Amino acid sequence: MTTSRTALSVSFVSLLCACAPQDVTDDAETRIVAAGAIPTGWKGLDVGPETAAIFADEIGGAATVLWNGPMGVFEVAPFAAGTHTVAEAVADAPGFTVVGGGDSAAAVRQLGLADQIDHVSTGGGASLEFLERGDLPGLAALRESATRRG
C-alpha cells in the first residue's frame, strides 16, 4: 500500500463568536472577530465568512477531499454558515469527495447535498485513524482471529 500525505496550510482569518453555551440559540447575539480576539466569556462557534471562503477556495481546487467535522454548531442558524459554505464547496468540488463523521454526514443530508458527494460515512474518527495508521484495531483483531481459526 502506497500512501501520500500533503499538508494544507490555511490561515484562520475570522471566527463567528457567540455568548456562552446556554445562549446558543437562533436569536443569540453574535460577532465576527479575529481568531485571537474572542471576547472573554464568548466562544467560537463557527468559522467566519473569510475563513469559510478560504476553505471553499482550497476545496474547489482539490483532486481529493476528505471532510470530517462541521465548521461550527450548524444545527443552530447563526452558526451554520461556515458548515453550509464548506458543504457546498465539497459538493461542487471536481475531485473525489468523502464526508466522514456523523455530524458532517448529517449536515450534508440536511442541506440536501449528500447525493453530490462521492461517499458519505458516519465513521469519521475511524476513517481518520485508518488513514493515519493504515489499519484499525477491530480489523486487526478480526484478521488475527481468522488466522488462529484457519
N, C-alpha and C. Protein backbone atom coordinates (compact mmCIF):
# COMPACT_ATOMS: atom_id res chain seq x y z
N MET A 1 0.84 -1.17 0.00
CA MET A 1 0.00 0.00 0.00
C MET A 1 0.90 1.24 0.00
N THR A 2 0.68 2.12 -0.93
CA THR A 2 1.44 3.37 -1.01
C THR A 2 0.57 4.50 -0.51
N THR A 3 1.15 5.32 0.36
CA THR A 3 0.39 6.46 0.87
C THR A 3 1.13 7.74 0.54
N SER A 4 0.37 8.77 0.35
CA SER A 4 0.93 10.09 0.09
C SER A 4 0.22 11.08 0.99
N ARG A 5 1.00 11.95 1.62
CA ARG A 5 0.40 12.94 2.50
C ARG A 5 0.79 14.32 2.03
N THR A 6 -0.20 15.18 1.94
CA THR A 6 0.02 16.56 1.55
C THR A 6 -0.58 17.45 2.62
N ALA A 7 0.20 18.37 3.12
CA ALA A 7 -0.30 19.29 4.15
C ALA A 7 -1.00 20.46 3.48
N LEU A 8 -2.11 20.86 4.05
CA LEU A 8 -2.86 22.01 3.59
C LEU A 8 -2.63 23.12 4.59
N SER A 9 -2.11 24.22 4.14
CA SER A 9 -1.84 25.35 5.02
C SER A 9 -2.91 26.42 4.80
N VAL A 10 -3.70 26.66 5.84
CA VAL A 10 -4.76 27.66 5.76
C VAL A 10 -4.67 28.54 7.00
N SER A 11 -4.74 29.83 6.81
CA SER A 11 -4.74 30.75 7.93
C SER A 11 -6.17 31.02 8.37
N PHE A 12 -6.41 30.98 9.66
CA PHE A 12 -7.73 31.32 10.17
C PHE A 12 -7.81 32.83 10.22
N VAL A 13 -8.76 33.38 9.52
CA VAL A 13 -8.88 34.82 9.40
C VAL A 13 -9.89 35.36 10.41
N SER A 14 -11.02 34.70 10.54
CA SER A 14 -12.04 35.20 11.45
C SER A 14 -12.89 34.05 11.96
N LEU A 15 -13.50 34.28 13.09
CA LEU A 15 -14.44 33.33 13.66
C LEU A 15 -15.74 34.04 13.97
N LEU A 16 -16.82 33.33 13.84
CA LEU A 16 -18.10 33.86 14.28
C LEU A 16 -18.27 33.41 15.72
N CYS A 17 -18.46 34.34 16.62
CA CYS A 17 -18.50 34.02 18.04
C CYS A 17 -19.85 34.35 18.64
N ALA A 18 -20.20 33.64 19.68
CA ALA A 18 -21.45 33.92 20.38
C ALA A 18 -21.25 33.78 21.87
N CYS A 19 -22.28 34.17 22.63
CA CYS A 19 -22.24 34.08 24.09
C CYS A 19 -22.04 32.65 24.55
N ALA A 20 -21.96 32.49 25.86
CA ALA A 20 -21.75 31.19 26.49
C ALA A 20 -22.75 30.16 25.98
N PRO A 21 -22.42 28.86 26.12
CA PRO A 21 -23.26 27.79 25.55
C PRO A 21 -24.75 27.87 25.86
N GLN A 22 -25.12 28.38 27.03
CA GLN A 22 -26.56 28.46 27.33
C GLN A 22 -27.26 29.44 26.39
N ASP A 23 -26.49 30.27 25.68
CA ASP A 23 -27.08 31.23 24.75
C ASP A 23 -26.95 30.79 23.29
N VAL A 24 -26.65 29.53 23.06
CA VAL A 24 -26.54 29.03 21.69
C VAL A 24 -27.95 28.76 21.19
N THR A 25 -28.57 29.84 20.72
CA THR A 25 -29.95 29.78 20.25
C THR A 25 -30.05 30.50 18.92
N ASP A 26 -31.19 30.35 18.27
CA ASP A 26 -31.40 31.01 16.98
C ASP A 26 -31.35 32.53 17.07
N ASP A 27 -31.56 33.08 18.27
CA ASP A 27 -31.53 34.53 18.42
C ASP A 27 -30.34 35.02 19.24
N ALA A 28 -29.30 34.20 19.34
CA ALA A 28 -28.11 34.57 20.11
C ALA A 28 -27.40 35.77 19.48
N GLU A 29 -26.85 36.61 20.34
CA GLU A 29 -26.02 37.72 19.86
C GLU A 29 -24.74 37.14 19.28
N THR A 30 -24.31 37.62 18.13
CA THR A 30 -23.09 37.13 17.51
C THR A 30 -22.19 38.29 17.11
N ARG A 31 -20.93 37.98 16.99
CA ARG A 31 -19.93 38.94 16.50
C ARG A 31 -18.95 38.18 15.62
N ILE A 32 -18.44 38.85 14.61
CA ILE A 32 -17.34 38.29 13.82
C ILE A 32 -16.08 38.97 14.32
N VAL A 33 -15.15 38.16 14.79
CA VAL A 33 -13.90 38.68 15.35
C VAL A 33 -12.73 37.85 14.85
N ALA A 34 -11.54 38.39 14.95
CA ALA A 34 -10.34 37.64 14.60
C ALA A 34 -10.18 36.48 15.58
N ALA A 35 -9.57 35.41 15.13
CA ALA A 35 -9.44 34.19 15.93
C ALA A 35 -8.83 34.45 17.30
N GLY A 36 -7.87 35.33 17.39
CA GLY A 36 -7.23 35.60 18.66
C GLY A 36 -7.90 36.68 19.49
N ALA A 37 -9.04 37.15 19.05
CA ALA A 37 -9.71 38.26 19.74
C ALA A 37 -11.10 37.90 20.23
N ILE A 38 -11.33 36.64 20.55
CA ILE A 38 -12.63 36.23 21.07
C ILE A 38 -12.79 36.86 22.45
N PRO A 39 -13.85 37.61 22.68
CA PRO A 39 -14.02 38.28 23.97
C PRO A 39 -14.16 37.27 25.12
N THR A 40 -13.71 37.67 26.28
CA THR A 40 -13.86 36.84 27.48
C THR A 40 -15.33 36.51 27.69
N GLY A 41 -15.60 35.24 27.97
CA GLY A 41 -16.97 34.80 28.19
C GLY A 41 -17.69 34.38 26.92
N TRP A 42 -17.05 34.55 25.77
CA TRP A 42 -17.62 34.14 24.49
C TRP A 42 -16.88 32.91 24.00
N LYS A 43 -17.48 32.21 23.07
CA LYS A 43 -16.86 31.03 22.47
C LYS A 43 -16.97 31.10 20.97
N GLY A 44 -15.95 30.59 20.28
CA GLY A 44 -16.01 30.49 18.83
C GLY A 44 -16.92 29.33 18.45
N LEU A 45 -18.01 29.61 17.76
CA LEU A 45 -18.99 28.57 17.45
C LEU A 45 -19.15 28.32 15.97
N ASP A 46 -18.39 29.03 15.15
CA ASP A 46 -18.40 28.81 13.71
C ASP A 46 -17.18 29.54 13.15
N VAL A 47 -16.69 29.10 12.01
CA VAL A 47 -15.67 29.87 11.33
C VAL A 47 -16.35 31.10 10.73
N GLY A 48 -15.59 32.15 10.58
CA GLY A 48 -16.15 33.36 10.00
C GLY A 48 -16.23 33.27 8.49
N PRO A 49 -16.86 34.24 7.85
CA PRO A 49 -17.04 34.19 6.40
C PRO A 49 -15.73 34.19 5.62
N GLU A 50 -14.73 34.92 6.10
CA GLU A 50 -13.44 34.92 5.38
C GLU A 50 -12.78 33.55 5.45
N THR A 51 -12.81 32.93 6.63
CA THR A 51 -12.23 31.60 6.79
C THR A 51 -12.98 30.59 5.93
N ALA A 52 -14.30 30.64 5.94
CA ALA A 52 -15.10 29.73 5.12
C ALA A 52 -14.76 29.89 3.64
N ALA A 53 -14.56 31.13 3.20
CA ALA A 53 -14.22 31.38 1.79
C ALA A 53 -12.83 30.82 1.45
N ILE A 54 -11.89 30.95 2.39
CA ILE A 54 -10.55 30.36 2.18
C ILE A 54 -10.67 28.85 2.02
N PHE A 55 -11.41 28.22 2.92
CA PHE A 55 -11.61 26.76 2.84
C PHE A 55 -12.27 26.39 1.51
N ALA A 56 -13.31 27.11 1.13
CA ALA A 56 -14.03 26.81 -0.11
C ALA A 56 -13.10 26.93 -1.31
N ASP A 57 -12.25 27.95 -1.33
CA ASP A 57 -11.29 28.11 -2.43
C ASP A 57 -10.33 26.93 -2.50
N GLU A 58 -9.81 26.49 -1.35
CA GLU A 58 -8.89 25.36 -1.32
C GLU A 58 -9.59 24.08 -1.79
N ILE A 59 -10.81 23.87 -1.30
CA ILE A 59 -11.57 22.67 -1.67
C ILE A 59 -11.88 22.68 -3.16
N GLY A 60 -12.18 23.83 -3.71
CA GLY A 60 -12.54 23.95 -5.12
C GLY A 60 -11.43 23.51 -6.06
N GLY A 61 -10.19 23.55 -5.61
CA GLY A 61 -9.08 23.14 -6.45
C GLY A 61 -8.50 21.78 -6.10
N ALA A 62 -9.15 21.07 -5.19
CA ALA A 62 -8.60 19.80 -4.71
C ALA A 62 -8.99 18.62 -5.59
N ALA A 63 -8.05 17.71 -5.78
CA ALA A 63 -8.32 16.49 -6.53
C ALA A 63 -9.05 15.46 -5.66
N THR A 64 -8.82 15.53 -4.36
CA THR A 64 -9.47 14.64 -3.39
C THR A 64 -9.81 15.46 -2.16
N VAL A 65 -11.01 15.27 -1.64
CA VAL A 65 -11.44 15.98 -0.44
C VAL A 65 -11.93 14.95 0.57
N LEU A 66 -11.38 15.00 1.77
CA LEU A 66 -11.88 14.21 2.90
C LEU A 66 -12.27 15.22 3.97
N TRP A 67 -13.57 15.33 4.21
CA TRP A 67 -14.07 16.30 5.18
C TRP A 67 -14.61 15.56 6.38
N ASN A 68 -14.08 15.90 7.56
CA ASN A 68 -14.54 15.29 8.80
C ASN A 68 -14.77 16.40 9.81
N GLY A 69 -16.01 16.63 10.15
CA GLY A 69 -16.35 17.60 11.19
C GLY A 69 -16.89 18.90 10.65
N PRO A 70 -18.07 19.30 11.13
CA PRO A 70 -18.65 20.56 10.69
C PRO A 70 -17.80 21.74 11.15
N MET A 71 -18.00 22.88 10.54
CA MET A 71 -17.23 24.08 10.87
C MET A 71 -17.69 24.74 12.16
N GLY A 72 -18.93 24.49 12.51
CA GLY A 72 -19.49 25.10 13.72
C GLY A 72 -20.71 24.35 14.19
N VAL A 73 -21.47 24.99 15.04
CA VAL A 73 -22.70 24.41 15.57
C VAL A 73 -23.78 24.61 14.51
N PHE A 74 -23.71 23.80 13.45
CA PHE A 74 -24.56 24.01 12.28
C PHE A 74 -26.04 23.81 12.55
N GLU A 75 -26.36 23.14 13.64
CA GLU A 75 -27.76 22.90 13.96
C GLU A 75 -28.49 24.17 14.40
N VAL A 76 -27.73 25.20 14.74
CA VAL A 76 -28.30 26.48 15.20
C VAL A 76 -27.99 27.53 14.13
N ALA A 77 -29.03 28.14 13.59
CA ALA A 77 -28.92 29.01 12.40
C ALA A 77 -27.77 30.02 12.42
N PRO A 78 -27.54 30.77 13.49
CA PRO A 78 -26.47 31.77 13.42
C PRO A 78 -25.06 31.18 13.29
N PHE A 79 -24.93 29.87 13.50
CA PHE A 79 -23.61 29.24 13.48
C PHE A 79 -23.50 28.17 12.39
N ALA A 80 -24.36 28.24 11.39
CA ALA A 80 -24.40 27.23 10.34
C ALA A 80 -23.70 27.67 9.05
N ALA A 81 -23.39 28.94 8.91
CA ALA A 81 -22.88 29.46 7.64
C ALA A 81 -21.58 28.80 7.20
N GLY A 82 -20.64 28.62 8.12
CA GLY A 82 -19.36 28.01 7.76
C GLY A 82 -19.54 26.59 7.25
N THR A 83 -20.33 25.80 7.95
CA THR A 83 -20.60 24.43 7.52
C THR A 83 -21.30 24.42 6.17
N HIS A 84 -22.26 25.32 5.99
CA HIS A 84 -23.00 25.40 4.73
C HIS A 84 -22.04 25.73 3.57
N THR A 85 -21.16 26.71 3.77
CA THR A 85 -20.22 27.11 2.72
C THR A 85 -19.28 25.96 2.36
N VAL A 86 -18.74 25.29 3.38
CA VAL A 86 -17.82 24.18 3.12
C VAL A 86 -18.56 23.00 2.48
N ALA A 87 -19.76 22.70 2.95
CA ALA A 87 -20.54 21.60 2.37
C ALA A 87 -20.82 21.85 0.89
N GLU A 88 -21.19 23.07 0.55
CA GLU A 88 -21.43 23.39 -0.86
C GLU A 88 -20.14 23.28 -1.68
N ALA A 89 -19.02 23.70 -1.11
CA ALA A 89 -17.74 23.59 -1.82
C ALA A 89 -17.37 22.13 -2.05
N VAL A 90 -17.60 21.28 -1.06
CA VAL A 90 -17.31 19.85 -1.21
C VAL A 90 -18.23 19.26 -2.28
N ALA A 91 -19.49 19.60 -2.23
CA ALA A 91 -20.45 19.08 -3.22
C ALA A 91 -20.10 19.52 -4.64
N ASP A 92 -19.56 20.71 -4.78
CA ASP A 92 -19.20 21.25 -6.10
C ASP A 92 -17.79 20.89 -6.54
N ALA A 93 -16.99 20.31 -5.66
CA ALA A 93 -15.59 20.02 -5.97
C ALA A 93 -15.49 19.04 -7.14
N PRO A 94 -14.53 19.27 -8.04
CA PRO A 94 -14.39 18.40 -9.20
C PRO A 94 -13.73 17.07 -8.86
N GLY A 95 -13.03 17.00 -7.74
CA GLY A 95 -12.32 15.78 -7.37
C GLY A 95 -13.21 14.78 -6.65
N PHE A 96 -12.59 13.71 -6.18
CA PHE A 96 -13.29 12.68 -5.41
C PHE A 96 -13.55 13.21 -4.01
N THR A 97 -14.79 13.12 -3.54
CA THR A 97 -15.16 13.71 -2.26
C THR A 97 -15.69 12.67 -1.28
N VAL A 98 -15.22 12.78 -0.05
CA VAL A 98 -15.66 11.91 1.03
C VAL A 98 -16.01 12.79 2.22
N VAL A 99 -17.17 12.57 2.78
CA VAL A 99 -17.58 13.24 4.00
C VAL A 99 -17.69 12.16 5.06
N GLY A 100 -16.94 12.31 6.15
CA GLY A 100 -16.93 11.31 7.20
C GLY A 100 -17.29 11.91 8.54
N GLY A 101 -18.03 11.18 9.32
CA GLY A 101 -18.42 11.62 10.64
C GLY A 101 -19.91 11.88 10.70
N GLY A 102 -20.52 11.50 11.79
CA GLY A 102 -21.97 11.63 11.93
C GLY A 102 -22.48 13.04 11.77
N ASP A 103 -21.80 14.02 12.37
CA ASP A 103 -22.27 15.40 12.27
C ASP A 103 -22.10 15.95 10.86
N SER A 104 -20.97 15.65 10.23
CA SER A 104 -20.76 16.12 8.85
C SER A 104 -21.75 15.46 7.90
N ALA A 105 -21.97 14.16 8.09
CA ALA A 105 -22.94 13.44 7.26
C ALA A 105 -24.34 14.03 7.45
N ALA A 106 -24.69 14.33 8.70
CA ALA A 106 -26.00 14.94 8.97
C ALA A 106 -26.10 16.31 8.30
N ALA A 107 -25.02 17.07 8.33
CA ALA A 107 -25.05 18.41 7.73
C ALA A 107 -25.29 18.33 6.23
N VAL A 108 -24.56 17.46 5.52
CA VAL A 108 -24.74 17.40 4.06
C VAL A 108 -26.12 16.85 3.70
N ARG A 109 -26.64 15.96 4.54
CA ARG A 109 -28.01 15.45 4.29
C ARG A 109 -29.03 16.56 4.54
N GLN A 110 -28.87 17.28 5.64
CA GLN A 110 -29.79 18.37 5.98
C GLN A 110 -29.79 19.44 4.90
N LEU A 111 -28.65 19.69 4.29
CA LEU A 111 -28.54 20.70 3.25
C LEU A 111 -28.93 20.18 1.87
N GLY A 112 -29.26 18.89 1.78
CA GLY A 112 -29.67 18.30 0.51
C GLY A 112 -28.52 18.11 -0.46
N LEU A 113 -27.30 17.93 0.07
CA LEU A 113 -26.12 17.82 -0.78
C LEU A 113 -25.51 16.42 -0.81
N ALA A 114 -26.05 15.50 -0.03
CA ALA A 114 -25.44 14.17 0.10
C ALA A 114 -25.30 13.45 -1.24
N ASP A 115 -26.26 13.63 -2.13
CA ASP A 115 -26.20 12.94 -3.42
C ASP A 115 -25.15 13.53 -4.36
N GLN A 116 -24.55 14.66 -3.98
CA GLN A 116 -23.48 15.26 -4.78
C GLN A 116 -22.10 14.93 -4.25
N ILE A 117 -22.03 14.15 -3.17
CA ILE A 117 -20.77 13.73 -2.54
C ILE A 117 -20.53 12.28 -2.98
N ASP A 118 -19.27 11.96 -3.31
CA ASP A 118 -18.97 10.60 -3.77
C ASP A 118 -19.21 9.55 -2.70
N HIS A 119 -18.85 9.85 -1.45
CA HIS A 119 -19.06 8.87 -0.37
C HIS A 119 -19.35 9.62 0.93
N VAL A 120 -20.43 9.26 1.59
CA VAL A 120 -20.79 9.84 2.88
C VAL A 120 -20.81 8.72 3.90
N SER A 121 -20.07 8.89 5.00
CA SER A 121 -19.94 7.86 6.02
C SER A 121 -20.10 8.47 7.40
N THR A 122 -20.67 7.71 8.31
CA THR A 122 -20.74 8.18 9.70
C THR A 122 -19.48 7.83 10.46
N GLY A 123 -18.57 7.09 9.86
CA GLY A 123 -17.33 6.66 10.52
C GLY A 123 -16.20 7.66 10.38
N GLY A 124 -16.36 8.84 10.92
CA GLY A 124 -15.35 9.88 10.76
C GLY A 124 -14.05 9.60 11.49
N GLY A 125 -14.13 9.36 12.79
CA GLY A 125 -12.92 9.11 13.58
C GLY A 125 -12.20 7.86 13.12
N ALA A 126 -12.95 6.82 12.84
CA ALA A 126 -12.35 5.57 12.35
C ALA A 126 -11.69 5.78 11.00
N SER A 127 -12.33 6.56 10.14
CA SER A 127 -11.74 6.85 8.82
C SER A 127 -10.41 7.56 8.96
N LEU A 128 -10.37 8.55 9.84
CA LEU A 128 -9.12 9.28 10.05
C LEU A 128 -8.04 8.38 10.64
N GLU A 129 -8.42 7.53 11.58
CA GLU A 129 -7.45 6.62 12.18
C GLU A 129 -6.91 5.65 11.13
N PHE A 130 -7.78 5.15 10.26
CA PHE A 130 -7.35 4.25 9.21
C PHE A 130 -6.37 4.94 8.26
N LEU A 131 -6.67 6.18 7.89
CA LEU A 131 -5.76 6.92 7.01
C LEU A 131 -4.42 7.18 7.68
N GLU A 132 -4.46 7.48 8.98
CA GLU A 132 -3.22 7.79 9.70
C GLU A 132 -2.38 6.54 9.94
N ARG A 133 -3.00 5.46 10.35
CA ARG A 133 -2.27 4.27 10.76
C ARG A 133 -2.26 3.14 9.74
N GLY A 134 -3.17 3.20 8.77
CA GLY A 134 -3.23 2.15 7.76
C GLY A 134 -3.98 0.91 8.21
N ASP A 135 -4.53 0.95 9.41
CA ASP A 135 -5.26 -0.19 9.95
C ASP A 135 -6.13 0.29 11.11
N LEU A 136 -7.04 -0.56 11.52
CA LEU A 136 -7.88 -0.28 12.68
C LEU A 136 -7.79 -1.45 13.65
N PRO A 137 -7.82 -1.20 14.95
CA PRO A 137 -7.71 -2.29 15.92
C PRO A 137 -8.73 -3.40 15.70
N GLY A 138 -9.97 -3.04 15.37
CA GLY A 138 -11.01 -4.04 15.14
C GLY A 138 -10.71 -4.92 13.94
N LEU A 139 -10.19 -4.32 12.86
CA LEU A 139 -9.83 -5.09 11.67
C LEU A 139 -8.65 -6.00 11.96
N ALA A 140 -7.67 -5.50 12.71
CA ALA A 140 -6.51 -6.32 13.08
C ALA A 140 -6.96 -7.52 13.93
N ALA A 141 -7.88 -7.29 14.85
CA ALA A 141 -8.38 -8.37 15.70
C ALA A 141 -9.13 -9.42 14.87
N LEU A 142 -9.91 -8.99 13.89
CA LEU A 142 -10.62 -9.94 13.03
C LEU A 142 -9.64 -10.77 12.21
N ARG A 143 -8.61 -10.13 11.68
CA ARG A 143 -7.60 -10.89 10.91
C ARG A 143 -6.88 -11.88 11.80
N GLU A 144 -6.52 -11.46 13.00
CA GLU A 144 -5.83 -12.34 13.94
C GLU A 144 -6.71 -13.52 14.32
N SER A 145 -7.98 -13.27 14.56
CA SER A 145 -8.93 -14.34 14.89
C SER A 145 -9.07 -15.33 13.75
N ALA A 146 -9.15 -14.81 12.52
CA ALA A 146 -9.28 -15.67 11.34
C ALA A 146 -8.04 -16.52 11.16
N THR A 147 -6.87 -15.94 11.44
CA THR A 147 -5.62 -16.69 11.31
C THR A 147 -5.56 -17.82 12.33
N ARG A 148 -5.99 -17.55 13.57
CA ARG A 148 -5.98 -18.59 14.61
C ARG A 148 -6.95 -19.71 14.30
N ARG A 149 -8.07 -19.39 13.67
CA ARG A 149 -9.07 -20.40 13.37
C ARG A 149 -8.76 -21.16 12.08
N GLY A 150 -8.03 -20.48 11.18
CA GLY A 150 -7.82 -21.02 9.85
C GLY A 150 -6.75 -22.01 9.77
